[in-house]
Amino acid sequence: MWKPIREFFAKSGAIGSLLGEILYETEPLQGQVSTSLFQWRVKKGLDDASYFVGVKMLPDGYAGAEGSPNNYINFDLETAERIRAGLEACIAECRRLEALTNK
């Protein structure tokens, strides 16, 4: 019974990534507020052939009609690599600005 349902949901990349199995998680990191967190994880899609890099976030503060402040975003490998490049660029810029400030 579950196989047809699983195959149906696997056809949707978004649902397949949301319902897939978590294969690896980093240690959660605390943000500026003690209740906030940030955590990377790797998931396998329901089709057993797709893998996703996801981030779990509980922000320092939030507003909106969404209700829960706990958010999940899953990325394919190519997008995760672009995100990493963006993060590395931001870290380099922060280091550059700190160096200018601490002169």
PDB file of N, CA and C in Angstrom:
ATOM      1  N   MET A   1       0.816  -1.197   0.000  1.00  0.00           N
ATOM      2  CA  MET A   1       0.000   0.000   0.000  1.00  0.00           C
ATOM      3  C   MET A   1       0.861   1.263   0.000  1.00  0.00           C
ATOM      4  N   TRP A   2       1.952   1.297   0.765  1.00  0.00           N
ATOM      5  CA  TRP A   2       2.762   2.499   0.876  1.00  0.00           C
ATOM      6  C   TRP A   2       3.561   2.798  -0.386  1.00  0.00           C
ATOM      7  N   LYS A   3       3.942   1.762  -1.134  1.00  0.00           N
ATOM      8  CA  LYS A   3       4.772   1.969  -2.320  1.00  0.00           C
ATOM      9  C   LYS A   3       4.098   2.876  -3.354  1.00  0.00           C
ATOM     10  N   PRO A   4       2.825   2.660  -3.715  1.00  0.00           N
ATOM     11  CA  PRO A   4       2.187   3.573  -4.676  1.00  0.00           C
ATOM     12  C   PRO A   4       2.103   5.017  -4.163  1.00  0.00           C
ATOM     13  N   ILE A   5       1.842   5.162  -2.883  1.00  0.00           N
ATOM     14  CA  ILE A   5       1.769   6.508  -2.298  1.00  0.00           C
ATOM     15  C   ILE A   5       3.147   7.162  -2.329  1.00  0.00           C
ATOM     16  N   ARG A   6       4.163   6.402  -1.962  1.00  0.00           N
ATOM     17  CA  ARG A   6       5.542   6.904  -1.975  1.00  0.00           C
ATOM     18  C   ARG A   6       5.946   7.308  -3.397  1.00  0.00           C
ATOM     19  N   GLU A   7       5.618   6.486  -4.379  1.00  0.00           N
ATOM     20  CA  GLU A   7       5.955   6.785  -5.774  1.00  0.00           C
ATOM     21  C   GLU A   7       5.221   8.032  -6.263  1.00  0.00           C
ATOM     22  N   PHE A   8       3.986   8.193  -5.827  1.00  0.00           N
ATOM     23  CA  PHE A   8       3.217   9.375  -6.204  1.00  0.00           C
ATOM     24  C   PHE A   8       3.883  10.645  -5.668  1.00  0.00           C
ATOM     25  N   PHE A   9       4.254  10.645  -4.378  1.00  0.00           N
ATOM     26  CA  PHE A   9       4.886  11.811  -3.778  1.00  0.00           C
ATOM     27  C   PHE A   9       6.298  12.028  -4.314  1.00  0.00           C
ATOM     28  N   ALA A  10       6.982  10.969  -4.720  1.00  0.00           N
ATOM     29  CA  ALA A  10       8.344  11.087  -5.240  1.00  0.00           C
ATOM     30  C   ALA A  10       8.378  11.872  -6.539  1.00  0.00           C
ATOM     31  N   LYS A  11       7.269  11.911  -7.271  1.00  0.00           N
ATOM     32  CA  LYS A  11       7.209  12.653  -8.534  1.00  0.00           C
ATOM     33  C   LYS A  11       7.325  14.151  -8.314  1.00  0.00           C
ATOM     34  N   SER A  12       6.976  14.619  -7.138  1.00  0.00           N
ATOM     35  CA  SER A  12       7.105  16.030  -6.786  1.00  0.00           C
ATOM     36  C   SER A  12       8.420  16.221  -6.051  1.00  0.00           C
ATOM     37  N   GLY A  13       9.329  17.003  -6.636  1.00  0.00           N
ATOM     38  CA  GLY A  13      10.616  17.242  -5.993  1.00  0.00           C
ATOM     39  C   GLY A  13      10.485  17.869  -4.616  1.00  0.00           C
ATOM     40  N   ALA A  14       9.576  18.830  -4.479  1.00  0.00           N
ATOM     41  CA  ALA A  14       9.417  19.516  -3.195  1.00  0.00           C
ATOM     42  C   ALA A  14       8.905  18.565  -2.123  1.00  0.00           C
ATOM     43  N   ILE A  15       7.881  17.818  -2.440  1.00  0.00           N
ATOM     44  CA  ILE A  15       7.331  16.880  -1.447  1.00  0.00           C
ATOM     45  C   ILE A  15       8.318  15.754  -1.187  1.00  0.00           C
ATOM     46  N   GLY A  16       8.984  15.276  -2.243  1.00  0.00           N
ATOM     47  CA  GLY A  16       9.969  14.218  -2.087  1.00  0.00           C
ATOM     48  C   GLY A  16      11.113  14.620  -1.178  1.00  0.00           C
ATOM     49  N   SER A  17      11.522  15.896  -1.255  1.00  0.00           N
ATOM     50  CA  SER A  17      12.606  16.348  -0.379  1.00  0.00           C
ATOM     51  C   SER A  17      12.119  16.569   1.047  1.00  0.00           C
ATOM     52  N   LEU A  18      10.884  17.009   1.208  1.00  0.00           N
ATOM     53  CA  LEU A  18      10.346  17.230   2.551  1.00  0.00           C
ATOM     54  C   LEU A  18      10.129  15.924   3.308  1.00  0.00           C
ATOM     55  N   LEU A  19       9.682  14.897   2.597  1.00  0.00           N
ATOM     56  CA  LEU A  19       9.352  13.632   3.256  1.00  0.00           C
ATOM     57  C   LEU A  19      10.487  12.623   3.225  1.00  0.00           C
ATOM     58  N   GLY A  20      11.598  12.961   2.580  1.00  0.00           N
ATOM     59  CA  GLY A  20      12.709  12.029   2.457  1.00  0.00           C
ATOM     60  C   GLY A  20      13.412  11.757   3.782  1.00  0.00           C
ATOM     61  N   GLU A  21      14.279  10.774   3.738  1.00  0.00           N
ATOM     62  CA  GLU A  21      15.013  10.331   4.926  1.00  0.00           C
ATOM     63  C   GLU A  21      16.222  11.227   5.190  1.00  0.00           C
ATOM     64  N   ILE A  22      16.426  11.622   6.450  1.00  0.00           N
ATOM     65  CA  ILE A  22      17.597  12.404   6.841  1.00  0.00           C
ATOM     66  C   ILE A  22      18.776  11.439   6.970  1.00  0.00           C
ATOM     67  N   LEU A  23      19.852  11.718   6.221  1.00  0.00           N
ATOM     68  CA  LEU A  23      21.026  10.855   6.231  1.00  0.00           C
ATOM     69  C   LEU A  23      22.149  11.395   7.100  1.00  0.00           C
ATOM     70  N   TYR A  24      22.201  12.717   7.250  1.00  0.00           N
ATOM     71  CA  TYR A  24      23.294  13.345   7.998  1.00  0.00           C
ATOM     72  C   TYR A  24      22.827  14.695   8.512  1.00  0.00           C
ATOM     73  N   GLU A  25      23.231  15.032   9.731  1.00  0.00           N
ATOM     74  CA  GLU A  25      22.932  16.346  10.300  1.00  0.00           C
ATOM     75  C   GLU A  25      24.165  16.878  10.998  1.00  0.00           C
ATOM     76  N   THR A  26      24.409  18.192  10.844  1.00  0.00           N
ATOM     77  CA  THR A  26      25.473  18.816  11.621  1.00  0.00           C
ATOM     78  C   THR A  26      24.938  19.134  13.015  1.00  0.00           C
ATOM     79  N   GLU A  27      25.828  19.474  13.900  1.00  0.00           N
ATOM     80  CA  GLU A  27      25.408  19.881  15.240  1.00  0.00           C
ATOM     81  C   GLU A  27      24.685  21.221  15.126  1.00  0.00           C
ATOM     82  N   PRO A  28      23.546  21.384  15.784  1.00  0.00           N
ATOM     83  CA  PRO A  28      22.834  22.665  15.716  1.00  0.00           C
ATOM     84  C   PRO A  28      23.679  23.780  16.334  1.00  0.00           C
ATOM     85  N   LEU A  29      23.678  24.934  15.691  1.00  0.00           N
ATOM     86  CA  LEU A  29      24.401  26.096  16.198  1.00  0.00           C
ATOM     87  C   LEU A  29      23.407  27.115  16.717  1.00  0.00           C
ATOM     88  N   GLN A  30      23.721  27.706  17.850  1.00  0.00           N
ATOM     89  CA  GLN A  30      22.847  28.708  18.460  1.00  0.00           C
ATOM     90  C   GLN A  30      23.087  30.055  17.819  1.00  0.00           C
ATOM     91  N   GLY A  31      22.022  30.807  17.618  1.00  0.00           N
ATOM     92  CA  GLY A  31      22.130  32.159  17.091  1.00  0.00           C
ATOM     93  C   GLY A  31      22.353  33.163  18.210  1.00  0.00           C
ATOM     94  N   GLN A  32      21.917  34.395  18.003  1.00  0.00           N
ATOM     95  CA  GLN A  32      22.102  35.451  18.992  1.00  0.00           C
ATOM     96  C   GLN A  32      21.200  35.275  20.210  1.00  0.00           C
ATOM     97  N   VAL A  33      20.095  34.575  20.024  1.00  0.00           N
ATOM     98  CA  VAL A  33      19.150  34.317  21.109  1.00  0.00           C
ATOM     99  C   VAL A  33      19.262  32.847  21.490  1.00  0.00           C
ATOM    100  N   SER A  34      19.139  32.523  22.762  1.00  0.00           N
ATOM    101  CA  SER A  34      19.355  31.149  23.218  1.00  0.00           C
ATOM    102  C   SER A  34      18.394  30.141  22.599  1.00  0.00           C
ATOM    103  N   THR A  35      17.247  30.590  22.134  1.00  0.00           N
ATOM    104  CA  THR A  35      16.273  29.667  21.543  1.00  0.00           C
ATOM    105  C   THR A  35      16.421  29.516  20.032  1.00  0.00           C
ATOM    106  N   SER A  36      17.329  30.273  19.413  1.00  0.00           N
ATOM    107  CA  SER A  36      17.494  30.183  17.961  1.00  0.00           C
ATOM    108  C   SER A  36      18.503  29.092  17.608  1.00  0.00           C
ATOM    109  N   LEU A  37      18.380  28.561  16.383  1.00  0.00           N
ATOM    110  CA  LEU A  37      19.338  27.546  15.943  1.00  0.00           C
ATOM    111  C   LEU A  37      19.458  27.544  14.433  1.00  0.00           C
ATOM    112  N   PHE A  38      20.555  26.938  13.983  1.00  0.00           N
ATOM    113  CA  PHE A  38      20.857  26.801  12.556  1.00  0.00           C
ATOM    114  C   PHE A  38      21.544  25.456  12.382  1.00  0.00           C
ATOM    115  N   GLN A  39      21.057  24.638  11.456  1.00  0.00           N
ATOM    116  CA  GLN A  39      21.604  23.288  11.304  1.00  0.00           C
ATOM    117  C   GLN A  39      21.516  22.853   9.843  1.00  0.00           C
ATOM    118  N   TRP A  40      22.621  22.344   9.299  1.00  0.00           N
ATOM    119  CA  TRP A  40      22.645  21.761   7.955  1.00  0.00           C
ATOM    120  C   TRP A  40      22.294  20.291   8.037  1.00  0.00           C
ATOM    121  N   ARG A  41      21.695  19.747   6.974  1.00  0.00           N
ATOM    122  CA  ARG A  41      21.424  18.310   6.926  1.00  0.00           C
ATOM    123  C   ARG A  41      21.360  17.832   5.483  1.00  0.00           C
ATOM    124  N   VAL A  42      21.571  16.541   5.307  1.00  0.00           N
ATOM    125  CA  VAL A  42      21.499  15.901   4.001  1.00  0.00           C
ATOM    126  C   VAL A  42      20.331  14.924   4.038  1.00  0.00           C
ATOM    127  N   LYS A  43      19.477  15.009   3.015  1.00  0.00           N
ATOM    128  CA  LYS A  43      18.298  14.135   2.941  1.00  0.00           C
ATOM    129  C   LYS A  43      18.298  13.388   1.624  1.00  0.00           C
ATOM    130  N   LYS A  44      17.730  12.212   1.651  1.00  0.00           N
ATOM    131  CA  LYS A  44      17.503  11.435   0.436  1.00  0.00           C
ATOM    132  C   LYS A  44      16.049  11.622   0.048  1.00  0.00           C
ATOM    133  N   GLY A  45      15.802  11.872  -1.240  1.00  0.00           N
ATOM    134  CA  GLY A  45      14.438  12.045  -1.719  1.00  0.00           C
ATOM    135  C   GLY A  45      13.676  10.736  -1.682  1.00  0.00           C
ATOM    136  N   LEU A  46      12.379  10.816  -1.805  1.00  0.00           N
ATOM    137  CA  LEU A  46      11.539   9.625  -1.792  1.00  0.00           C
ATOM    138  C   LEU A  46      11.816   8.704  -2.972  1.00  0.00           C
ATOM    139  N   ASP A  47      12.419   9.245  -4.042  1.00  0.00           N
ATOM    140  CA  ASP A  47      12.724   8.407  -5.201  1.00  0.00           C
ATOM    141  C   ASP A  47      13.995   7.579  -5.003  1.00  0.00           C
ATOM    142  N   ASP A  48      14.663   7.732  -3.863  1.00  0.00           N
ATOM    143  CA  ASP A  48      15.887   7.000  -3.516  1.00  0.00           C
ATOM    144  C   ASP A  48      17.045   7.291  -4.460  1.00  0.00           C
ATOM    145  N   ALA A  49      16.926   8.304  -5.329  1.00  0.00           N
ATOM    146  CA  ALA A  49      18.006   8.663  -6.239  1.00  0.00           C
ATOM    147  C   ALA A  49      18.393  10.131  -6.106  1.00  0.00           C
ATOM    148  N   SER A  50      17.583  10.926  -5.454  1.00  0.00           N
ATOM    149  CA  SER A  50      17.842  12.356  -5.289  1.00  0.00           C
ATOM    150  C   SER A  50      18.349  12.619  -3.879  1.00  0.00           C
ATOM    151  N   TYR A  51      19.304  13.533  -3.787  1.00  0.00           N
ATOM    152  CA  TYR A  51      19.837  13.945  -2.495  1.00  0.00           C
ATOM    153  C   TYR A  51      19.734  15.457  -2.396  1.00  0.00           C
ATOM    154  N   PHE A  52      19.470  15.943  -1.195  1.00  0.00           N
ATOM    155  CA  PHE A  52      19.267  17.366  -0.979  1.00  0.00           C
ATOM    156  C   PHE A  52      20.060  17.828   0.230  1.00  0.00           C
ATOM    157  N   VAL A  53      20.582  19.049   0.151  1.00  0.00           N
ATOM    158  CA  VAL A  53      21.199  19.710   1.292  1.00  0.00           C
ATOM    159  C   VAL A  53      20.151  20.662   1.824  1.00  0.00           C
ATOM    160  N   GLY A  54      19.858  20.563   3.111  1.00  0.00           N
ATOM    161  CA  GLY A  54      18.829  21.405   3.707  1.00  0.00           C
ATOM    162  C   GLY A  54      19.361  22.165   4.893  1.00  0.00           C
ATOM    163  N   VAL A  55      18.654  23.188   5.250  1.00  0.00           N
ATOM    164  CA  VAL A  55      19.000  23.968   6.426  1.00  0.00           C
ATOM    165  C   VAL A  55      17.758  24.073   7.310  1.00  0.00           C
ATOM    166  N   LYS A  56      17.970  23.843   8.590  1.00  0.00           N
ATOM    167  CA  LYS A  56      16.911  23.992   9.585  1.00  0.00           C
ATOM    168  C   LYS A  56      17.205  25.293  10.335  1.00  0.00           C
ATOM    169  N   MET A  57      16.205  26.158  10.414  1.00  0.00           N
ATOM    170  CA  MET A  57      16.407  27.456  11.044  1.00  0.00           C
ATOM    171  C   MET A  57      15.320  27.739  12.065  1.00  0.00           C
ATOM    172  N   LEU A  58      15.728  28.205  13.185  1.00  0.00           N
ATOM    173  CA  LEU A  58      14.824  28.776  14.171  1.00  0.00           C
ATOM    174  C   LEU A  58      15.393  30.160  14.436  1.00  0.00           C
ATOM    175  N   PRO A  59      14.809  31.202  13.851  1.00  0.00           N
ATOM    176  CA  PRO A  59      15.442  32.526  13.854  1.00  0.00           C
ATOM    177  C   PRO A  59      15.484  33.195  15.223  1.00  0.00           C
ATOM    178  N   ASP A  60      16.361  34.197  15.309  1.00  0.00           N
ATOM    179  CA  ASP A  60      16.448  35.008  16.529  1.00  0.00           C
ATOM    180  C   ASP A  60      15.124  35.701  16.799  1.00  0.00           C
ATOM    181  N   GLY A  61      14.477  36.146  15.758  1.00  0.00           N
ATOM    182  CA  GLY A  61      13.179  36.808  15.867  1.00  0.00           C
ATOM    183  C   GLY A  61      12.410  36.560  14.591  1.00  0.00           C
ATOM    184  N   TYR A  62      11.125  36.635  14.646  1.00  0.00           N
ATOM    185  CA  TYR A  62      10.323  36.378  13.459  1.00  0.00           C
ATOM    186  C   TYR A  62       8.998  37.112  13.570  1.00  0.00           C
ATOM    187  N   ALA A  63       8.404  37.317  12.424  1.00  0.00           N
ATOM    188  CA  ALA A  63       7.083  37.929  12.375  1.00  0.00           C
ATOM    189  C   ALA A  63       6.388  37.393  11.142  1.00  0.00           C
ATOM    190  N   GLY A  64       5.118  37.299  11.201  1.00  0.00           N
ATOM    191  CA  GLY A  64       4.378  36.858  10.027  1.00  0.00           C
ATOM    192  C   GLY A  64       3.260  35.921  10.387  1.00  0.00           C
ATOM    193  N   ALA A  65       2.487  35.619   9.390  1.00  0.00           N
ATOM    194  CA  ALA A  65       1.304  34.791   9.599  1.00  0.00           C
ATOM    195  C   ALA A  65       1.610  33.303   9.483  1.00  0.00           C
ATOM    196  N   GLU A  66       2.870  32.946   9.243  1.00  0.00           N
ATOM    197  CA  GLU A  66       3.196  31.539   9.043  1.00  0.00           C
ATOM    198  C   GLU A  66       2.899  30.686  10.275  1.00  0.00           C
ATOM    199  N   GLY A  67       2.988  31.285  11.446  1.00  0.00           N
ATOM    200  CA  GLY A  67       2.716  30.533  12.667  1.00  0.00           C
ATOM    201  C   GLY A  67       3.987  30.057  13.321  1.00  0.00           C
ATOM    202  N   SER A  68       4.536  28.965  12.847  1.00  0.00           N
ATOM    203  CA  SER A  68       5.730  28.389  13.466  1.00  0.00           C
ATOM    204  C   SER A  68       6.993  29.088  12.969  1.00  0.00           C
ATOM    205  N   PRO A  69       7.905  29.413  13.884  1.00  0.00           N
ATOM    206  CA  PRO A  69       9.152  30.030  13.461  1.00  0.00           C
ATOM    207  C   PRO A  69      10.174  29.000  12.964  1.00  0.00           C
ATOM    208  N   ASN A  70       9.843  27.726  13.022  1.00  0.00           N
ATOM    209  CA  ASN A  70      10.753  26.668  12.579  1.00  0.00           C
ATOM    210  C   ASN A  70      10.614  26.510  11.069  1.00  0.00           C
ATOM    211  N   ASN A  71      11.699  26.724  10.338  1.00  0.00           N
ATOM    212  CA  ASN A  71      11.647  26.740   8.882  1.00  0.00           C
ATOM    213  C   ASN A  71      12.634  25.755   8.291  1.00  0.00           C
ATOM    214  N   TYR A  72      12.290  25.150   7.159  1.00  0.00           N
ATOM    215  CA  TYR A  72      13.155  24.217   6.453  1.00  0.00           C
ATOM    216  C   TYR A  72      13.245  24.624   4.993  1.00  0.00           C
ATOM    217  N   ILE A  73      14.449  24.583   4.441  1.00  0.00           N
ATOM    218  CA  ILE A  73      14.657  24.812   3.020  1.00  0.00           C
ATOM    219  C   ILE A  73      15.599  23.724   2.540  1.00  0.00           C
ATOM    220  N   ASN A  74      15.261  23.066   1.423  1.00  0.00           N
ATOM    221  CA  ASN A  74      16.102  22.016   0.855  1.00  0.00           C
ATOM    222  C   ASN A  74      16.598  22.453  -0.518  1.00  0.00           C
ATOM    223  N   PHE A  75      17.868  22.156  -0.811  1.00  0.00           N
ATOM    224  CA  PHE A  75      18.500  22.567  -2.055  1.00  0.00           C
ATOM    225  C   PHE A  75      19.113  21.359  -2.748  1.00  0.00           C
ATOM    226  N   ASP A  76      19.110  21.389  -4.095  1.00  0.00           N
ATOM    227  CA  ASP A  76      19.870  20.371  -4.805  1.00  0.00           C
ATOM    228  C   ASP A  76      21.356  20.715  -4.661  1.00  0.00           C
ATOM    229  N   LEU A  77      22.235  19.805  -5.054  1.00  0.00           N
ATOM    230  CA  LEU A  77      23.666  19.963  -4.827  1.00  0.00           C
ATOM    231  C   LEU A  77      24.227  21.212  -5.513  1.00  0.00           C
ATOM    232  N   GLU A  78      23.818  21.475  -6.745  1.00  0.00           N
ATOM    233  CA  GLU A  78      24.326  22.649  -7.465  1.00  0.00           C
ATOM    234  C   GLU A  78      23.974  23.942  -6.731  1.00  0.00           C
ATOM    235  N   THR A  79      22.747  24.052  -6.257  1.00  0.00           N
ATOM    236  CA  THR A  79      22.329  25.249  -5.529  1.00  0.00           C
ATOM    237  C   THR A  79      23.056  25.350  -4.196  1.00  0.00           C
ATOM    238  N   ALA A  80      23.252  24.227  -3.508  1.00  0.00           N
ATOM    239  CA  ALA A  80      23.982  24.232  -2.237  1.00  0.00           C
ATOM    240  C   ALA A  80      25.411  24.735  -2.434  1.00  0.00           C
ATOM    241  N   GLU A  81      26.030  24.348  -3.549  1.00  0.00           N
ATOM    242  CA  GLU A  81      27.388  24.833  -3.831  1.00  0.00           C
ATOM    243  C   GLU A  81      27.394  26.339  -4.088  1.00  0.00           C
ATOM    244  N   ARG A  82      26.361  26.843  -4.767  1.00  0.00           N
ATOM    245  CA  ARG A  82      26.261  28.290  -4.978  1.00  0.00           C
ATOM    246  C   ARG A  82      26.024  29.017  -3.658  1.00  0.00           C
ATOM    247  N   ILE A  83      25.246  28.410  -2.781  1.00  0.00           N
ATOM    248  CA  ILE A  83      25.011  28.997  -1.454  1.00  0.00           C
ATOM    249  C   ILE A  83      26.314  29.049  -0.674  1.00  0.00           C
ATOM    250  N   ARG A  84      27.087  27.954  -0.744  1.00  0.00           N
ATOM    251  CA  ARG A  84      28.376  27.915  -0.046  1.00  0.00           C
ATOM    252  C   ARG A  84      29.284  29.031  -0.555  1.00  0.00           C
ATOM    253  N   ALA A  85      29.320  29.226  -1.879  1.00  0.00           N
ATOM    254  CA  ALA A  85      30.149  30.289  -2.447  1.00  0.00           C
ATOM    255  C   ALA A  85      29.698  31.659  -1.941  1.00  0.00           C
ATOM    256  N   GLY A  86      28.383  31.857  -1.867  1.00  0.00           N
ATOM    257  CA  GLY A  86      27.864  33.110  -1.330  1.00  0.00           C
ATOM    258  C   GLY A  86      28.222  33.303   0.129  1.00  0.00           C
ATOM    259  N   LEU A  87      28.120  32.224   0.917  1.00  0.00           N
ATOM    260  CA  LEU A  87      28.481  32.287   2.335  1.00  0.00           C
ATOM    261  C   LEU A  87      29.962  32.608   2.495  1.00  0.00           C
ATOM    262  N   GLU A  88      30.813  31.946   1.699  1.00  0.00           N
ATOM    263  CA  GLU A  88      32.251  32.214   1.769  1.00  0.00           C
ATOM    264  C   GLU A  88      32.560  33.658   1.388  1.00  0.00           C
ATOM    265  N   ALA A  89      31.859  34.208   0.404  1.00  0.00           N
ATOM    266  CA  ALA A  89      32.057  35.604   0.015  1.00  0.00           C
ATOM    267  C   ALA A  89      31.644  36.541   1.152  1.00  0.00           C
ATOM    268  N   CYS A  90      30.537  36.224   1.821  1.00  0.00           N
ATOM    269  CA  CYS A  90      30.086  37.050   2.949  1.00  0.00           C
ATOM    270  C   CYS A  90      31.068  36.993   4.114  1.00  0.00           C
ATOM    271  N   ILE A  91      31.602  35.813   4.396  1.00  0.00           N
ATOM    272  CA  ILE A  91      32.597  35.668   5.465  1.00  0.00           C
ATOM    273  C   ILE A  91      33.842  36.480   5.134  1.00  0.00           C
ATOM    274  N   ALA A  92      34.303  36.403   3.895  1.00  0.00           N
ATOM    275  CA  ALA A  92      35.477  37.175   3.481  1.00  0.00           C
ATOM    276  C   ALA A  92      35.219  38.678   3.622  1.00  0.00           C
ATOM    277  N   GLU A  93      34.016  39.130   3.245  1.00  0.00           N
ATOM    278  CA  GLU A  93      33.686  40.547   3.371  1.00  0.00           C
ATOM    279  C   GLU A  93      33.636  40.974   4.834  1.00  0.00           C
ATOM    280  N   CYS A  94      33.075  40.139   5.700  1.00  0.00           N
ATOM    281  CA  CYS A  94      33.053  40.458   7.135  1.00  0.00           C
ATOM    282  C   CYS A  94      34.476  40.557   7.683  1.00  0.00           C
ATOM    283  N   ARG A  95      35.335  39.636   7.285  1.00  0.00           N
ATOM    284  CA  ARG A  95      36.742  39.687   7.735  1.00  0.00           C
ATOM    285  C   ARG A  95      37.414  40.961   7.233  1.00  0.00           C
ATOM    286  N   ARG A  96      37.148  41.340   5.976  1.00  0.00           N
ATOM    287  CA  ARG A  96      37.746  42.552   5.421  1.00  0.00           C
ATOM    288  C   ARG A  96      37.279  43.782   6.187  1.00  0.00           C
ATOM    289  N   LEU A  97      35.968  43.849   6.466  1.00  0.00           N
ATOM    290  CA  LEU A  97      35.431  44.998   7.197  1.00  0.00           C
ATOM    291  C   LEU A  97      35.946  45.048   8.621  1.00  0.00           C
ATOM    292  N   GLU A  98      36.074  43.897   9.283  1.00  0.00           N
ATOM    293  CA  GLU A  98      36.628  43.869  10.637  1.00  0.00           C
ATOM    294  C   GLU A  98      38.077  44.329  10.645  1.00  0.00           C
ATOM    295  N   ALA A  99      38.843  43.921   9.630  1.00  0.00           N
ATOM    296  CA  ALA A  99      40.239  44.345   9.536  1.00  0.00           C
ATOM    297  C   ALA A  99      40.344  45.861   9.375  1.00  0.00           C
ATOM    298  N   LEU A 100      39.439  46.461   8.583  1.00  0.00           N
ATOM    299  CA  LEU A 100      39.439  47.908   8.413  1.00  0.00           C
ATOM    300  C   LEU A 100      39.063  48.607   9.714  1.00  0.00           C
ATOM    301  N   THR A 101      38.120  48.032  10.451  1.00  0.00           N
ATOM    302  CA  THR A 101      37.648  48.623  11.701  1.00  0.00           C
ATOM    303  C   THR A 101      38.708  48.527  12.793  1.00  0.00           C
ATOM    304  N   ASN A 102      39.458  47.434  12.804  1.00  0.00           N
ATOM    305  CA  ASN A 102      40.433  47.192  13.880  1.00  0.00           C
ATOM    306  C   ASN A 102      41.809  47.783  13.596  1.00  0.00           C
ATOM    307  N   LYS A 103      41.941  48.609  12.553  1.00  0.00           N
ATOM    308  CA  LYS A 103      43.252  49.226  12.237  1.00  0.00           C
ATOM    309  C   LYS A 103      43.593  50.297  13.232  1.00  0.00           C
TER     310      LYS A 103
END
